[in-house]
């Protein structure tokens, strides 16, 4: 089993309030959850209207599958027209002995 923690920094250009920001983030987070077996949460920039940080946990049976899952997640985020992905940080968790 392989696992990774992914931190995604996004810019959301249109919101003028936190309520509007949540209206953009909610479908993005739900879309990620439906896309694969991802656990997703907003983890930082909670009070910023146009910035968000998403934390995504990805688990796969092997390294190749893990890479494919992360690529699939990145393609989905890049396809969203309502957010701009600024940066993606991937921390692969160590294998248990």
N, C-alpha and C. Protein backbone atom coordinates (compact mmCIF):
# COMPACT_ATOMS: atom_id res chain seq x y z
N UNK A 1 0.85 -1.17 0.00
CA UNK A 1 0.00 0.00 0.00
C UNK A 1 0.89 1.23 0.00
N UNK A 2 0.50 2.23 -0.79
CA UNK A 2 1.23 3.50 -0.86
C UNK A 2 0.24 4.62 -0.59
N UNK A 3 0.72 5.68 0.06
CA UNK A 3 -0.15 6.81 0.40
C UNK A 3 0.61 8.12 0.22
N UNK A 4 -0.14 9.17 -0.08
CA UNK A 4 0.45 10.50 -0.23
C UNK A 4 -0.49 11.54 0.33
N UNK A 5 0.12 12.58 0.87
CA UNK A 5 -0.63 13.76 1.29
C UNK A 5 -0.32 14.85 0.27
N UNK A 6 -1.36 15.43 -0.30
CA UNK A 6 -1.20 16.44 -1.34
C UNK A 6 -1.78 17.76 -0.85
N UNK A 7 -0.99 18.81 -0.94
CA UNK A 7 -1.43 20.16 -0.56
C UNK A 7 -1.56 20.96 -1.84
N UNK A 8 -2.76 21.48 -2.10
CA UNK A 8 -3.04 22.22 -3.33
C UNK A 8 -3.39 23.66 -2.99
N UNK A 9 -2.59 24.59 -3.49
CA UNK A 9 -2.84 26.02 -3.30
C UNK A 9 -3.60 26.51 -4.52
N UNK A 10 -4.77 27.14 -4.29
CA UNK A 10 -5.57 27.62 -5.41
C UNK A 10 -5.94 29.09 -5.24
N UNK A 11 -6.12 29.74 -6.37
CA UNK A 11 -6.64 31.11 -6.43
C UNK A 11 -8.03 31.01 -7.04
N UNK A 12 -8.97 31.70 -6.43
CA UNK A 12 -10.35 31.71 -6.91
C UNK A 12 -10.65 33.16 -7.30
N UNK A 13 -10.69 33.49 -8.58
CA UNK A 13 -10.73 34.89 -8.99
C UNK A 13 -12.04 35.63 -8.73
N UNK A 14 -13.17 34.97 -8.68
CA UNK A 14 -14.45 35.68 -8.68
C UNK A 14 -15.08 36.03 -7.34
N UNK A 15 -14.85 35.32 -6.23
CA UNK A 15 -15.61 35.60 -5.01
C UNK A 15 -15.39 37.00 -4.43
N UNK A 16 -16.47 37.55 -3.93
CA UNK A 16 -16.42 38.83 -3.22
C UNK A 16 -16.82 38.65 -1.76
N UNK A 17 -16.94 37.40 -1.33
CA UNK A 17 -17.27 37.09 0.06
C UNK A 17 -16.86 35.65 0.34
N UNK A 18 -16.81 35.31 1.62
CA UNK A 18 -16.51 33.93 2.00
C UNK A 18 -17.61 32.98 1.55
N UNK A 19 -18.84 33.45 1.54
CA UNK A 19 -19.96 32.62 1.09
C UNK A 19 -19.79 32.26 -0.39
N UNK A 20 -19.39 33.22 -1.21
CA UNK A 20 -19.16 32.94 -2.63
C UNK A 20 -17.97 32.00 -2.81
N UNK A 21 -16.94 32.18 -1.98
CA UNK A 21 -15.79 31.28 -2.05
C UNK A 21 -16.23 29.84 -1.79
N UNK A 22 -17.03 29.64 -0.75
CA UNK A 22 -17.52 28.29 -0.42
C UNK A 22 -18.36 27.72 -1.55
N UNK A 23 -19.08 28.61 -2.24
CA UNK A 23 -19.90 28.16 -3.38
C UNK A 23 -19.06 27.63 -4.53
N UNK A 24 -17.84 28.11 -4.65
CA UNK A 24 -16.93 27.60 -5.68
C UNK A 24 -16.20 26.35 -5.17
N UNK A 25 -15.77 26.38 -3.92
CA UNK A 25 -15.00 25.26 -3.38
C UNK A 25 -15.82 23.98 -3.20
N UNK A 26 -17.06 24.13 -2.78
CA UNK A 26 -17.89 22.96 -2.49
C UNK A 26 -17.96 22.00 -3.69
N UNK A 27 -18.32 22.49 -4.89
CA UNK A 27 -18.37 21.54 -6.03
C UNK A 27 -16.99 20.99 -6.41
N UNK A 28 -15.94 21.76 -6.19
CA UNK A 28 -14.59 21.28 -6.48
C UNK A 28 -14.23 20.13 -5.54
N UNK A 29 -14.49 20.31 -4.26
CA UNK A 29 -14.18 19.27 -3.27
C UNK A 29 -15.04 18.03 -3.51
N UNK A 30 -16.32 18.22 -3.76
CA UNK A 30 -17.21 17.07 -4.02
C UNK A 30 -16.80 16.34 -5.30
N UNK A 31 -16.38 17.09 -6.31
CA UNK A 31 -15.90 16.48 -7.55
C UNK A 31 -14.68 15.62 -7.32
N UNK A 32 -13.76 16.09 -6.49
CA UNK A 32 -12.58 15.29 -6.16
C UNK A 32 -12.97 14.02 -5.42
N UNK A 33 -13.89 14.13 -4.50
CA UNK A 33 -14.33 12.94 -3.74
C UNK A 33 -14.97 11.91 -4.65
N UNK A 34 -15.73 12.36 -5.65
CA UNK A 34 -16.38 11.43 -6.59
C UNK A 34 -15.37 10.85 -7.58
N UNK A 35 -14.31 11.58 -7.85
CA UNK A 35 -13.33 11.17 -8.85
C UNK A 35 -12.56 9.91 -8.43
N UNK A 36 -12.28 9.80 -7.17
CA UNK A 36 -11.51 8.65 -6.69
C UNK A 36 -11.69 8.51 -5.19
N UNK A 37 -10.92 7.66 -4.62
CA UNK A 37 -11.00 7.44 -3.18
C UNK A 37 -10.11 8.46 -2.46
N UNK A 38 -10.49 9.72 -2.57
CA UNK A 38 -9.72 10.80 -1.96
C UNK A 38 -10.45 11.32 -0.74
N UNK A 39 -9.68 11.68 0.26
CA UNK A 39 -10.22 12.40 1.39
C UNK A 39 -9.77 13.85 1.20
N UNK A 40 -10.71 14.80 1.19
CA UNK A 40 -10.41 16.19 0.82
C UNK A 40 -10.96 17.14 1.87
N UNK A 41 -10.17 18.17 2.20
CA UNK A 41 -10.63 19.20 3.12
C UNK A 41 -9.91 20.50 2.81
N UNK A 42 -10.58 21.62 3.12
CA UNK A 42 -9.91 22.91 3.07
C UNK A 42 -9.08 23.01 4.34
N UNK A 43 -7.76 23.24 4.22
CA UNK A 43 -6.88 23.17 5.37
C UNK A 43 -6.22 24.50 5.74
N UNK A 44 -6.34 25.52 4.90
CA UNK A 44 -5.71 26.80 5.22
C UNK A 44 -6.37 27.90 4.38
N UNK A 45 -6.06 29.15 4.72
CA UNK A 45 -6.62 30.33 4.05
C UNK A 45 -8.13 30.38 4.19
N UNK A 46 -8.63 30.00 5.35
CA UNK A 46 -10.07 29.95 5.59
C UNK A 46 -10.75 31.31 5.48
N UNK A 47 -10.07 32.37 5.86
CA UNK A 47 -10.70 33.69 5.89
C UNK A 47 -10.35 34.55 4.68
N UNK A 48 -9.68 33.99 3.72
CA UNK A 48 -9.34 34.72 2.49
C UNK A 48 -10.40 34.44 1.43
N UNK A 49 -10.87 35.49 0.79
CA UNK A 49 -11.93 35.33 -0.21
C UNK A 49 -11.45 34.62 -1.48
N UNK A 50 -10.22 34.88 -1.87
CA UNK A 50 -9.79 34.39 -3.18
C UNK A 50 -8.65 33.38 -3.13
N UNK A 51 -8.30 32.92 -1.96
CA UNK A 51 -7.27 31.89 -1.83
C UNK A 51 -7.83 30.72 -1.03
N UNK A 52 -7.36 29.54 -1.35
CA UNK A 52 -7.74 28.36 -0.58
C UNK A 52 -6.60 27.36 -0.65
N UNK A 53 -6.50 26.57 0.38
CA UNK A 53 -5.54 25.47 0.41
C UNK A 53 -6.32 24.21 0.70
N UNK A 54 -6.20 23.25 -0.21
CA UNK A 54 -6.89 21.97 -0.06
C UNK A 54 -5.88 20.91 0.34
N UNK A 55 -6.26 20.06 1.27
CA UNK A 55 -5.47 18.90 1.63
C UNK A 55 -6.17 17.66 1.08
N UNK A 56 -5.41 16.83 0.40
CA UNK A 56 -5.98 15.63 -0.22
C UNK A 56 -5.15 14.42 0.19
N UNK A 57 -5.80 13.40 0.73
CA UNK A 57 -5.13 12.14 1.05
C UNK A 57 -5.44 11.14 -0.07
N UNK A 58 -4.39 10.52 -0.59
CA UNK A 58 -4.53 9.57 -1.69
C UNK A 58 -3.89 8.25 -1.27
N UNK A 59 -4.61 7.15 -1.46
CA UNK A 59 -4.10 5.82 -1.11
C UNK A 59 -4.26 4.92 -2.34
N UNK A 60 -3.23 4.11 -2.60
CA UNK A 60 -3.26 3.20 -3.74
C UNK A 60 -2.49 1.93 -3.38
N UNK A 61 -2.71 0.86 -4.13
CA UNK A 61 -2.04 -0.40 -3.80
C UNK A 61 -0.53 -0.39 -4.08
N UNK A 62 -0.06 0.44 -5.04
CA UNK A 62 1.36 0.46 -5.35
C UNK A 62 1.75 1.85 -5.85
N UNK A 63 3.04 2.07 -6.05
CA UNK A 63 3.55 3.37 -6.45
C UNK A 63 3.03 3.84 -7.81
N UNK A 64 2.92 2.93 -8.76
CA UNK A 64 2.43 3.30 -10.09
C UNK A 64 0.98 3.76 -10.01
N UNK A 65 0.16 3.04 -9.28
CA UNK A 65 -1.25 3.43 -9.11
C UNK A 65 -1.37 4.76 -8.38
N UNK A 66 -0.50 4.97 -7.41
CA UNK A 66 -0.51 6.23 -6.67
C UNK A 66 -0.21 7.40 -7.61
N UNK A 67 0.79 7.24 -8.45
CA UNK A 67 1.13 8.27 -9.43
C UNK A 67 -0.01 8.55 -10.38
N UNK A 68 -0.70 7.49 -10.81
CA UNK A 68 -1.84 7.66 -11.71
C UNK A 68 -2.98 8.41 -11.03
N UNK A 69 -3.23 8.09 -9.75
CA UNK A 69 -4.29 8.77 -9.00
C UNK A 69 -3.98 10.26 -8.83
N UNK A 70 -2.73 10.57 -8.53
CA UNK A 70 -2.34 11.97 -8.36
C UNK A 70 -2.44 12.71 -9.70
N UNK A 71 -2.04 12.08 -10.79
CA UNK A 71 -2.17 12.69 -12.12
C UNK A 71 -3.63 12.94 -12.48
N UNK A 72 -4.48 11.98 -12.16
CA UNK A 72 -5.92 12.11 -12.43
C UNK A 72 -6.50 13.28 -11.64
N UNK A 73 -6.10 13.40 -10.38
CA UNK A 73 -6.56 14.51 -9.54
C UNK A 73 -6.08 15.84 -10.11
N UNK A 74 -4.84 15.90 -10.54
CA UNK A 74 -4.29 17.15 -11.09
C UNK A 74 -5.01 17.55 -12.39
N UNK A 75 -5.30 16.58 -13.26
CA UNK A 75 -6.03 16.88 -14.50
C UNK A 75 -7.41 17.44 -14.19
N UNK A 76 -8.07 16.86 -13.18
CA UNK A 76 -9.39 17.36 -12.79
C UNK A 76 -9.29 18.81 -12.31
N UNK A 77 -8.34 19.09 -11.44
CA UNK A 77 -8.20 20.46 -10.93
C UNK A 77 -7.86 21.44 -12.04
N UNK A 78 -7.00 21.02 -12.97
CA UNK A 78 -6.64 21.90 -14.10
C UNK A 78 -7.81 22.12 -15.04
N UNK A 79 -8.76 21.20 -15.07
CA UNK A 79 -9.92 21.34 -15.97
C UNK A 79 -10.98 22.29 -15.40
N UNK A 80 -10.90 22.59 -14.11
CA UNK A 80 -11.87 23.50 -13.48
C UNK A 80 -11.59 24.92 -13.94
N UNK A 81 -12.62 25.59 -14.48
CA UNK A 81 -12.44 26.95 -14.99
C UNK A 81 -12.67 28.01 -13.93
N UNK A 82 -13.17 27.60 -12.76
CA UNK A 82 -13.47 28.58 -11.71
C UNK A 82 -12.36 28.71 -10.68
N UNK A 83 -11.28 27.91 -10.81
CA UNK A 83 -10.13 28.03 -9.91
C UNK A 83 -8.85 28.00 -10.73
N UNK A 84 -7.80 28.58 -10.16
CA UNK A 84 -6.46 28.52 -10.76
C UNK A 84 -5.55 27.81 -9.77
N UNK A 85 -4.95 26.71 -10.19
CA UNK A 85 -4.02 25.98 -9.32
C UNK A 85 -2.70 26.74 -9.32
N UNK A 86 -2.28 27.17 -8.13
CA UNK A 86 -1.03 27.91 -8.00
C UNK A 86 0.15 26.98 -7.74
N UNK A 87 -0.06 25.99 -6.90
CA UNK A 87 1.03 25.09 -6.55
C UNK A 87 0.47 23.78 -6.00
N UNK A 88 1.22 22.72 -6.20
CA UNK A 88 0.86 21.41 -5.68
C UNK A 88 2.09 20.82 -4.99
N UNK A 89 1.94 20.47 -3.73
CA UNK A 89 3.01 19.85 -2.95
C UNK A 89 2.59 18.42 -2.63
N UNK A 90 3.46 17.46 -2.96
CA UNK A 90 3.14 16.06 -2.74
C UNK A 90 4.14 15.49 -1.73
N UNK A 91 3.61 14.91 -0.67
CA UNK A 91 4.43 14.24 0.34
C UNK A 91 4.01 12.78 0.36
N UNK A 92 4.87 11.93 -0.20
CA UNK A 92 4.56 10.51 -0.17
C UNK A 92 4.94 9.98 1.20
N UNK A 93 4.01 9.27 1.80
CA UNK A 93 4.24 8.74 3.13
C UNK A 93 5.12 7.50 3.05
N UNK A 94 5.95 7.33 4.07
CA UNK A 94 6.86 6.19 4.08
C UNK A 94 6.09 4.88 4.24
N UNK A 95 6.65 3.87 3.67
CA UNK A 95 6.05 2.52 3.79
C UNK A 95 6.26 1.99 5.19
N UNK A 96 5.21 1.42 5.79
CA UNK A 96 5.41 0.80 7.11
C UNK A 96 6.26 -0.45 7.00
N UNK A 97 7.06 -0.69 7.99
CA UNK A 97 7.94 -1.87 7.99
C UNK A 97 7.17 -3.09 8.42
